[in-house]
Structures are given as C-alpha cells and as structure tokens.
Amino acid sequence: MDLASILYLGVTFGLFAIFAWIVIRTYSRKNRDKNEIAKYRMLDDD
C-alpha cells in the first residue's frame, strides 16, 4: 500500500471513531437527563 492509501484509511477510521464517540456520548445514561431537558423546555408555555 502506498502512502495515500494509508492516509485515506487513517482518515476513514478517525472519522468513524469520532462518529462512534458522538453516538456513545449522546446515548449514555449519564447525559440522558441533560439532553431531555431541552425537549421539555421547548414544550413549555412562555
């Protein structure tokens, strides 16, 4: 494999790792309550 293929493969794995980190952080139990607050605040009357 040449350098361009290795670089492309590294960028692909890096972007996948970032995506997986975002998904895990979003759906973790610790952050679930904090993420749900915005949904209920949007439904409140002004």
C-alpha atoms as a PDB file:
ATOM      1  CA  MET A   1       0.000   0.000   0.000  1.00  0.00           C
ATOM      2  CA  ASP A   2       1.225   3.453  -0.790  1.00  0.00           C
ATOM      3  CA  LEU A   3       1.140   6.499   1.458  1.00  0.00           C
ATOM      4  CA  ALA A   4      -2.109   7.873   0.008  1.00  0.00           C
ATOM      5  CA  SER A   5      -3.973   4.633   0.768  1.00  0.00           C
ATOM      6  CA  ILE A   6      -2.690   4.536   4.328  1.00  0.00           C
ATOM      7  CA  LEU A   7      -3.637   8.181   4.851  1.00  0.00           C
ATOM      8  CA  TYR A   8      -7.117   7.613   3.414  1.00  0.00           C
ATOM      9  CA  LEU A   9      -7.593   4.572   5.638  1.00  0.00           C
ATOM     10  CA  GLY A  10      -6.432   6.537   8.698  1.00  0.00           C
ATOM     11  CA  VAL A  11      -8.809   9.416   7.988  1.00  0.00           C
ATOM     12  CA  THR A  12     -11.691   6.966   7.483  1.00  0.00           C
ATOM     13  CA  PHE A  13     -11.032   5.212  10.798  1.00  0.00           C
ATOM     14  CA  GLY A  14     -10.575   8.565  12.526  1.00  0.00           C
ATOM     15  CA  LEU A  15     -13.936   9.864  11.307  1.00  0.00           C
ATOM     16  CA  PHE A  16     -15.607   6.611  12.334  1.00  0.00           C
ATOM     17  CA  ALA A  17     -14.088   6.898  15.807  1.00  0.00           C
ATOM     18  CA  ILE A  18     -15.398  10.468  16.135  1.00  0.00           C
ATOM     19  CA  PHE A  19     -18.856   9.340  14.993  1.00  0.00           C
ATOM     20  CA  ALA A  20     -18.869   6.447  17.480  1.00  0.00           C
ATOM     21  CA  TRP A  21     -17.782   8.821  20.292  1.00  0.00           C
ATOM     22  CA  ILE A  22     -20.649  11.217  19.477  1.00  0.00           C
ATOM     23  CA  VAL A  23     -23.205   8.379  19.456  1.00  0.00           C
ATOM     24  CA  ILE A  24     -21.943   6.902  22.728  1.00  0.00           C
ATOM     25  CA  ARG A  25     -21.855  10.330  24.406  1.00  0.00           C
ATOM     26  CA  THR A  26     -25.363  11.186  23.196  1.00  0.00           C
ATOM     27  CA  TYR A  27     -26.995   7.954  24.331  1.00  0.00           C
ATOM     28  CA  SER A  28     -25.130   7.424  27.593  1.00  0.00           C
ATOM     29  CA  ARG A  29     -27.323   7.225  30.688  1.00  0.00           C
ATOM     30  CA  LYS A  30     -25.346   9.954  32.419  1.00  0.00           C
ATOM     31  CA  ASN A  31     -26.191  12.549  29.740  1.00  0.00           C
ATOM     32  CA  ARG A  32     -29.729  11.375  29.013  1.00  0.00           C
ATOM     33  CA  ASP A  33     -31.405  13.663  31.568  1.00  0.00           C
ATOM     34  CA  LYS A  34     -29.443  16.687  30.391  1.00  0.00           C
ATOM     35  CA  ASN A  35     -30.442  16.010  26.778  1.00  0.00           C
ATOM     36  CA  GLU A  36     -34.117  15.538  27.660  1.00  0.00           C
ATOM     37  CA  ILE A  37     -34.395  18.910  29.411  1.00  0.00           C
ATOM     38  CA  ALA A  38     -34.316  20.792  26.106  1.00  0.00           C
ATOM     39  CA  LYS A  39     -37.208  18.746  24.741  1.00  0.00           C
ATOM     40  CA  TYR A  40     -39.448  19.530  27.678  1.00  0.00           C
ATOM     41  CA  ARG A  41     -38.368  23.174  27.851  1.00  0.00           C
ATOM     42  CA  MET A  42     -39.421  23.609  24.209  1.00  0.00           C
ATOM     43  CA  LEU A  43     -42.927  22.391  25.065  1.00  0.00           C
ATOM     44  CA  ASP A  44     -43.385  24.787  28.000  1.00  0.00           C
ATOM     45  CA  ASP A  45     -45.605  27.826  27.554  1.00  0.00           C
ATOM     46  CA  ASP A  46     -43.935  31.203  27.641  1.00  0.00           C
END
